[in-house]
Amino acid sequence: MIANPVSFDLRREGKRSIGYIRLSSFNALAQQEVSKAIKDLEGRGAGELVLDLRDNRGGLVTTGVEVARLFLDGPDSTVVITKGGAARPDDRVVASGPPLTKAPLTVLVNEHTASASEILAGALKDNCRAVLVGNQTYGKGLIQSVYELSDSSGLVITVGRYVTPAGINIDRDGIKPNFSRKPSSQSISRWVYIMPLEVPRSCRC
C-alpha cells in the first residue's frame, strides 16, 4: 500500500485564509493528492497557498514535474531542462496546459529539500510563480544509470543532469530561496505578479 505523502489544513492569519500543504515525498500518489488538497482548501476559502517541501528528499522525478504543472501555465512555462552532454541535445520539459490554481504561492525549502523537490522549487521560482522561503536546498540533480556487472557488482554512470528553466545547475548549486523568512502577502504579490511585467523572462527572480 502506497502511503499518502500529503497533509493539509486551512490556517487563519488575521483576515488572511492560507491553505497549507505539506508534501513529504514524490510517490505515485503525490500529484493527485496535492490536486485534491488545492481544491479542498480553495473550496473552503483559501486565498493563498503554502507548499512545504522542507525535508522532502525527492522521489519520482516525473511526479515532481506533474506537481509543477498544477501551478504553471503551459505551454510556454518550462519545468526543467535535462542536459546529457555534447552527444545528446537538451530536453526541455514544459507545462502542458492551464494551471489548477493561480493563487499566490509560497514554497518552504531547507537544506534537506532535494532532487525532485528541487526541480519543482526551481520551476516555480524561475517562472515567478512562487516565492521560495527558507535555506538553500541540498543540490541533487544528476541523472544516473546503474549497470549490473558479471560478478554481480554494480556500476553507476552519470548520463546527464537537471537544470532549472533559468539554467541553474541543481546538482552543483542547489536552489537559493528568495527570502530567509516568510514575507508579507504584499511582497508575495509583488514577486509573483508585478515582477514578470517589469523585467525580462531571462532575468526574473
C-alpha atoms as a PDB file:
ATOM      1  CA  MET A   1       0.000   0.000   0.000  1.00  0.00           C
ATOM      2  CA  ILE A   2       1.378   3.404  -1.014  1.00  0.00           C
ATOM      3  CA  ALA A   3       1.376   5.980   1.771  1.00  0.00           C
ATOM      4  CA  ASN A   4      -0.274   9.353   1.195  1.00  0.00           C
ATOM      5  CA  PRO A   5       2.581  11.919   1.185  1.00  0.00           C
ATOM      6  CA  VAL A   6       0.267  14.932   1.544  1.00  0.00           C
ATOM      7  CA  SER A   7      -1.282  16.589   4.579  1.00  0.00           C
ATOM      8  CA  PHE A   8      -3.052  19.935   4.574  1.00  0.00           C
ATOM      9  CA  ASP A   9      -5.104  22.373   6.601  1.00  0.00           C
ATOM     10  CA  LEU A  10      -6.591  25.859   6.406  1.00  0.00           C
ATOM     11  CA  ARG A  11      -4.907  28.479   8.587  1.00  0.00           C
ATOM     12  CA  ARG A  12      -6.011  31.984   9.542  1.00  0.00           C
ATOM     13  CA  GLU A  13      -3.636  34.928   9.904  1.00  0.00           C
ATOM     14  CA  GLY A  14      -5.749  37.975  10.676  1.00  0.00           C
ATOM     15  CA  LYS A  15      -8.060  38.376   7.691  1.00  0.00           C
ATOM     16  CA  ARG A  16      -5.951  36.046   5.514  1.00  0.00           C
ATOM     17  CA  SER A  17      -7.031  32.480   4.804  1.00  0.00           C
ATOM     18  CA  ILE A  18      -3.955  30.412   3.929  1.00  0.00           C
ATOM     19  CA  GLY A  19      -4.017  26.880   2.588  1.00  0.00           C
ATOM     20  CA  TYR A  20      -1.035  24.940   3.977  1.00  0.00           C
ATOM     21  CA  ILE A  21       0.064  21.816   2.054  1.00  0.00           C
ATOM     22  CA  ARG A  22       2.828  19.547   3.338  1.00  0.00           C
ATOM     23  CA  LEU A  23       4.372  17.269   0.683  1.00  0.00           C
ATOM     24  CA  SER A  24       6.785  14.766   2.238  1.00  0.00           C
ATOM     25  CA  SER A  25       7.839  12.788  -0.861  1.00  0.00           C
ATOM     26  CA  PHE A  26       7.103  12.265  -4.540  1.00  0.00           C
ATOM     27  CA  ASN A  27       5.461   8.868  -4.886  1.00  0.00           C
ATOM     28  CA  ALA A  28       2.714   7.692  -7.226  1.00  0.00           C
ATOM     29  CA  LEU A  29       0.011   9.416  -5.145  1.00  0.00           C
ATOM     30  CA  ALA A  30       1.648  12.836  -4.795  1.00  0.00           C
ATOM     31  CA  GLN A  31       0.171  14.648  -7.799  1.00  0.00           C
ATOM     32  CA  GLN A  32      -3.409  13.565  -7.243  1.00  0.00           C
ATOM     33  CA  GLU A  33      -3.244  14.234  -3.505  1.00  0.00           C
ATOM     34  CA  VAL A  34      -1.798  17.740  -3.992  1.00  0.00           C
ATOM     35  CA  SER A  35      -4.579  18.379  -6.511  1.00  0.00           C
ATOM     36  CA  LYS A  36      -7.208  17.249  -4.005  1.00  0.00           C
ATOM     37  CA  ALA A  37      -5.682  19.448  -1.322  1.00  0.00           C
ATOM     38  CA  ILE A  38      -5.730  22.543  -3.543  1.00  0.00           C
ATOM     39  CA  LYS A  39      -9.371  22.015  -4.499  1.00  0.00           C
ATOM     40  CA  ASP A  40     -10.413  21.391  -0.894  1.00  0.00           C
ATOM     41  CA  LEU A  41      -8.566  24.415   0.502  1.00  0.00           C
ATOM     42  CA  GLU A  42      -9.761  26.830  -2.171  1.00  0.00           C
ATOM     43  CA  GLY A  43     -13.278  25.456  -1.738  1.00  0.00           C
ATOM     44  CA  ARG A  44     -13.030  26.465   1.924  1.00  0.00           C
ATOM     45  CA  GLY A  45     -11.899  29.976   1.071  1.00  0.00           C
ATOM     46  CA  ALA A  46      -8.097  29.847   0.919  1.00  0.00           C
ATOM     47  CA  GLY A  47      -6.854  32.987  -0.827  1.00  0.00           C
ATOM     48  CA  GLU A  48      -3.190  31.953  -0.918  1.00  0.00           C
ATOM     49  CA  LEU A  49      -1.244  28.706  -0.624  1.00  0.00           C
ATOM     50  CA  VAL A  50       1.888  27.489   1.148  1.00  0.00           C
ATOM     51  CA  LEU A  51       3.631  24.377  -0.194  1.00  0.00           C
ATOM     52  CA  ASP A  52       6.029  22.884   2.354  1.00  0.00           C
ATOM     53  CA  LEU A  53       8.915  20.949   0.767  1.00  0.00           C
ATOM     54  CA  ARG A  54      11.205  21.041   3.795  1.00  0.00           C
ATOM     55  CA  ASP A  55      12.930  17.686   4.410  1.00  0.00           C
ATOM     56  CA  ASN A  56      11.423  16.308   1.190  1.00  0.00           C
ATOM     57  CA  ARG A  57      14.332  14.361  -0.275  1.00  0.00           C
ATOM     58  CA  GLY A  58      12.632  13.631  -3.593  1.00  0.00           C
ATOM     59  CA  GLY A  59      11.262  10.502  -5.203  1.00  0.00           C
ATOM     60  CA  LEU A  60       9.787  10.122  -8.676  1.00  0.00           C
ATOM     61  CA  VAL A  61      11.060  12.933 -10.899  1.00  0.00           C
ATOM     62  CA  THR A  62       8.094  12.513 -13.253  1.00  0.00           C
ATOM     63  CA  THR A  63       5.765  13.137 -10.313  1.00  0.00           C
ATOM     64  CA  GLY A  64       7.658  16.296  -9.424  1.00  0.00           C
ATOM     65  CA  VAL A  65       7.069  17.518 -12.976  1.00  0.00           C
ATOM     66  CA  GLU A  66       3.351  16.723 -12.743  1.00  0.00           C
ATOM     67  CA  VAL A  67       3.019  18.622  -9.459  1.00  0.00           C
ATOM     68  CA  ALA A  68       4.744  21.629 -11.053  1.00  0.00           C
ATOM     69  CA  ARG A  69       2.195  21.524 -13.869  1.00  0.00           C
ATOM     70  CA  LEU A  70      -0.601  22.067 -11.321  1.00  0.00           C
ATOM     71  CA  PHE A  71       0.748  25.594 -10.812  1.00  0.00           C
ATOM     72  CA  LEU A  72       2.289  26.559 -14.182  1.00  0.00           C
ATOM     73  CA  ASP A  73       0.562  27.906 -17.261  1.00  0.00           C
ATOM     74  CA  GLY A  74       1.585  25.905 -20.350  1.00  0.00           C
ATOM     75  CA  PRO A  75       2.936  25.508 -22.906  1.00  0.00           C
ATOM     76  CA  ASP A  76       5.318  28.475 -22.525  1.00  0.00           C
ATOM     77  CA  SER A  77       6.427  27.620 -18.975  1.00  0.00           C
ATOM     78  CA  THR A  78       9.470  25.365 -18.773  1.00  0.00           C
ATOM     79  CA  VAL A  79       9.524  22.932 -15.840  1.00  0.00           C
ATOM     80  CA  VAL A  80      13.061  21.561 -16.144  1.00  0.00           C
ATOM     81  CA  ILE A  81      15.837  21.047 -18.678  1.00  0.00           C
ATOM     82  CA  THR A  82      17.858  17.843 -18.916  1.00  0.00           C
ATOM     83  CA  LYS A  83      21.400  18.079 -20.243  1.00  0.00           C
ATOM     84  CA  GLY A  84      23.048  14.896 -21.469  1.00  0.00           C
ATOM     85  CA  GLY A  85      26.419  16.028 -22.774  1.00  0.00           C
ATOM     86  CA  ALA A  86      27.680  17.032 -26.198  1.00  0.00           C
ATOM     87  CA  ALA A  87      26.320  13.917 -27.932  1.00  0.00           C
ATOM     88  CA  ARG A  88      22.749  14.443 -26.718  1.00  0.00           C
ATOM     89  CA  PRO A  89      20.562  17.511 -27.269  1.00  0.00           C
ATOM     90  CA  ASP A  90      18.984  19.259 -24.304  1.00  0.00           C
ATOM     91  CA  ASP A  91      15.487  18.082 -23.442  1.00  0.00           C
ATOM     92  CA  ARG A  92      13.119  20.826 -22.266  1.00  0.00           C
ATOM     93  CA  VAL A  93      10.065  19.684 -20.279  1.00  0.00           C
ATOM     94  CA  VAL A  94       7.188  22.179 -20.361  1.00  0.00           C
ATOM     95  CA  ALA A  95       3.843  22.679 -18.645  1.00  0.00           C
ATOM     96  CA  SER A  96       1.064  21.056 -20.616  1.00  0.00           C
ATOM     97  CA  GLY A  97      -1.988  23.220 -20.039  1.00  0.00           C
ATOM     98  CA  PRO A  98      -3.765  25.721 -17.796  1.00  0.00           C
ATOM     99  CA  PRO A  99      -2.854  25.571 -14.093  1.00  0.00           C
ATOM    100  CA  LEU A 100      -5.179  24.134 -11.493  1.00  0.00           C
ATOM    101  CA  THR A 101      -4.739  27.266  -9.364  1.00  0.00           C
ATOM    102  CA  LYS A 102      -3.484  30.818  -9.757  1.00  0.00           C
ATOM    103  CA  ALA A 103      -3.479  31.630  -6.040  1.00  0.00           C
ATOM    104  CA  PRO A 104      -0.358  33.356  -4.653  1.00  0.00           C
ATOM    105  CA  LEU A 105       2.088  30.639  -3.639  1.00  0.00           C
ATOM    106  CA  THR A 106       4.881  30.400  -1.080  1.00  0.00           C
ATOM    107  CA  VAL A 107       7.212  27.383  -1.135  1.00  0.00           C
ATOM    108  CA  LEU A 108       9.138  26.417   2.010  1.00  0.00           C
ATOM    109  CA  VAL A 109      12.550  24.790   1.483  1.00  0.00           C
ATOM    110  CA  ASN A 110      15.602  23.846   3.530  1.00  0.00           C
ATOM    111  CA  GLU A 111      18.961  22.096   3.257  1.00  0.00           C
ATOM    112  CA  HIS A 112      17.221  18.698   3.085  1.00  0.00           C
ATOM    113  CA  THR A 113      15.000  19.649   0.132  1.00  0.00           C
ATOM    114  CA  ALA A 114      16.473  17.538  -2.673  1.00  0.00           C
ATOM    115  CA  SER A 115      16.123  16.003  -6.129  1.00  0.00           C
ATOM    116  CA  ALA A 116      12.501  16.130  -7.414  1.00  0.00           C
ATOM    117  CA  SER A 117      11.734  18.745  -4.746  1.00  0.00           C
ATOM    118  CA  GLU A 118      14.452  20.965  -6.197  1.00  0.00           C
ATOM    119  CA  ILE A 119      13.104  20.509  -9.719  1.00  0.00           C
ATOM    120  CA  LEU A 120       9.672  21.632  -8.504  1.00  0.00           C
ATOM    121  CA  ALA A 121      11.030  24.538  -6.445  1.00  0.00           C
ATOM    122  CA  GLY A 122      13.276  25.698  -9.289  1.00  0.00           C
ATOM    123  CA  ALA A 123      10.447  25.599 -11.807  1.00  0.00           C
ATOM    124  CA  LEU A 124       8.120  27.649  -9.609  1.00  0.00           C
ATOM    125  CA  LYS A 125      10.827  30.171  -8.746  1.00  0.00           C
ATOM    126  CA  ASP A 126      12.221  30.674 -12.258  1.00  0.00           C
ATOM    127  CA  ASN A 127       8.747  31.115 -13.732  1.00  0.00           C
ATOM    128  CA  CYS A 128       7.962  33.664 -10.995  1.00  0.00           C
ATOM    129  CA  ARG A 129       5.013  31.524  -9.968  1.00  0.00           C
ATOM    130  CA  ALA A 130       6.074  31.338  -6.327  1.00  0.00           C
ATOM    131  CA  VAL A 131       8.452  32.813  -3.804  1.00  0.00           C
ATOM    132  CA  LEU A 132      10.829  30.445  -2.025  1.00  0.00           C
ATOM    133  CA  VAL A 133      11.416  30.836   1.697  1.00  0.00           C
ATOM    134  CA  GLY A 134      13.996  29.150   3.911  1.00  0.00           C
ATOM    135  CA  ASN A 135      17.514  27.817   3.358  1.00  0.00           C
ATOM    136  CA  GLN A 136      19.417  26.852   0.208  1.00  0.00           C
ATOM    137  CA  THR A 137      18.457  23.362  -0.947  1.00  0.00           C
ATOM    138  CA  TYR A 138      20.633  20.247  -0.926  1.00  0.00           C
ATOM    139  CA  GLY A 139      21.806  20.163  -4.548  1.00  0.00           C
ATOM    140  CA  LYS A 140      20.983  16.757  -6.057  1.00  0.00           C
ATOM    141  CA  GLY A 141      20.369  16.854  -9.781  1.00  0.00           C
ATOM    142  CA  LEU A 142      22.296  14.098 -11.571  1.00  0.00           C
ATOM    143  CA  ILE A 143      20.731  11.591 -13.973  1.00  0.00           C
ATOM    144  CA  GLN A 144      22.367   8.205 -13.424  1.00  0.00           C
ATOM    145  CA  SER A 145      22.134   4.715 -14.881  1.00  0.00           C
ATOM    146  CA  VAL A 146      23.014   1.554 -12.959  1.00  0.00           C
ATOM    147  CA  TYR A 147      24.550  -1.427 -14.759  1.00  0.00           C
ATOM    148  CA  GLU A 148      24.940  -4.901 -13.260  1.00  0.00           C
ATOM    149  CA  LEU A 149      28.341  -6.481 -13.892  1.00  0.00           C
ATOM    150  CA  SER A 150      29.173 -10.164 -14.379  1.00  0.00           C
ATOM    151  CA  ASP A 151      30.443 -10.502 -10.805  1.00  0.00           C
ATOM    152  CA  SER A 152      27.055  -9.215  -9.509  1.00  0.00           C
ATOM    153  CA  SER A 153      28.511  -5.847  -8.569  1.00  0.00           C
ATOM    154  CA  GLY A 154      27.086  -2.649  -9.968  1.00  0.00           C
ATOM    155  CA  LEU A 155      28.387   0.281 -11.956  1.00  0.00           C
ATOM    156  CA  VAL A 156      26.756   3.705 -11.669  1.00  0.00           C
ATOM    157  CA  ILE A 157      27.310   6.067 -14.601  1.00  0.00           C
ATOM    158  CA  THR A 158      26.199   9.689 -14.710  1.00  0.00           C
ATOM    159  CA  VAL A 159      24.461  10.282 -18.039  1.00  0.00           C
ATOM    160  CA  GLY A 160      23.050  13.768 -17.530  1.00  0.00           C
ATOM    161  CA  ARG A 161      21.967  16.471 -15.140  1.00  0.00           C
ATOM    162  CA  TYR A 162      18.938  18.604 -14.381  1.00  0.00           C
ATOM    163  CA  VAL A 163      18.998  22.382 -14.674  1.00  0.00           C
ATOM    164  CA  THR A 164      16.252  24.859 -13.858  1.00  0.00           C
ATOM    165  CA  PRO A 165      14.452  26.954 -16.515  1.00  0.00           C
ATOM    166  CA  ALA A 166      16.922  29.795 -15.812  1.00  0.00           C
ATOM    167  CA  GLY A 167      19.892  27.463 -16.316  1.00  0.00           C
ATOM    168  CA  ILE A 168      20.823  26.827 -12.673  1.00  0.00           C
ATOM    169  CA  ASN A 169      22.743  23.561 -12.234  1.00  0.00           C
ATOM    170  CA  ILE A 170      20.744  21.878  -9.494  1.00  0.00           C
ATOM    171  CA  ASP A 171      23.435  19.351  -8.577  1.00  0.00           C
ATOM    172  CA  ARG A 172      26.185  21.912  -8.241  1.00  0.00           C
ATOM    173  CA  ASP A 173      24.299  24.907  -6.863  1.00  0.00           C
ATOM    174  CA  GLY A 174      21.024  23.796  -5.318  1.00  0.00           C
ATOM    175  CA  ILE A 175      18.172  26.330  -5.269  1.00  0.00           C
ATOM    176  CA  LYS A 176      18.560  29.609  -3.423  1.00  0.00           C
ATOM    177  CA  PRO A 177      15.362  30.943  -1.795  1.00  0.00           C
ATOM    178  CA  ASN A 178      14.066  34.459  -2.353  1.00  0.00           C
ATOM    179  CA  PHE A 179      13.675  35.060   1.392  1.00  0.00           C
ATOM    180  CA  SER A 180      15.025  33.504   4.575  1.00  0.00           C
ATOM    181  CA  ARG A 181      11.783  34.297   6.394  1.00  0.00           C
ATOM    182  CA  LYS A 182       8.203  34.322   5.198  1.00  0.00           C
ATOM    183  CA  PRO A 183       7.414  37.694   3.556  1.00  0.00           C
ATOM    184  CA  SER A 184       4.219  39.685   3.756  1.00  0.00           C
ATOM    185  CA  SER A 185       1.347  38.970   1.384  1.00  0.00           C
ATOM    186  CA  GLN A 186       2.161  42.252  -0.371  1.00  0.00           C
ATOM    187  CA  SER A 187       5.719  41.073  -1.046  1.00  0.00           C
ATOM    188  CA  ILE A 188       4.452  37.769  -2.405  1.00  0.00           C
ATOM    189  CA  SER A 189       2.063  39.536  -4.754  1.00  0.00           C
ATOM    190  CA  ARG A 190       4.847  41.824  -5.985  1.00  0.00           C
ATOM    191  CA  TRP A 191       7.256  38.991  -6.753  1.00  0.00           C
ATOM    192  CA  VAL A 192       4.672  36.727  -8.381  1.00  0.00           C
ATOM    193  CA  TYR A 193       2.538  39.215 -10.295  1.00  0.00           C
ATOM    194  CA  ILE A 194       4.409  42.509 -10.746  1.00  0.00           C
ATOM    195  CA  MET A 195       7.969  41.310 -11.355  1.00  0.00           C
ATOM    196  CA  PRO A 196       7.111  39.389 -14.565  1.00  0.00           C
ATOM    197  CA  LEU A 197       5.763  42.621 -16.068  1.00  0.00           C
ATOM    198  CA  GLU A 198       8.776  44.743 -15.085  1.00  0.00           C
ATOM    199  CA  VAL A 199      11.770  42.640 -16.110  1.00  0.00           C
ATOM    200  CA  PRO A 200      12.549  40.229 -18.957  1.00  0.00           C
ATOM    201  CA  ARG A 201      11.956  36.490 -18.521  1.00  0.00           C
ATOM    202  CA  SER A 202      15.698  35.783 -18.739  1.00  0.00           C
ATOM    203  CA  CYS A 203      16.489  37.740 -15.579  1.00  0.00           C
ATOM    204  CA  ARG A 204      13.343  37.366 -13.492  1.00  0.00           C
ATOM    205  CA  CYS A 205      13.528  36.357  -9.831  1.00  0.00           C
END
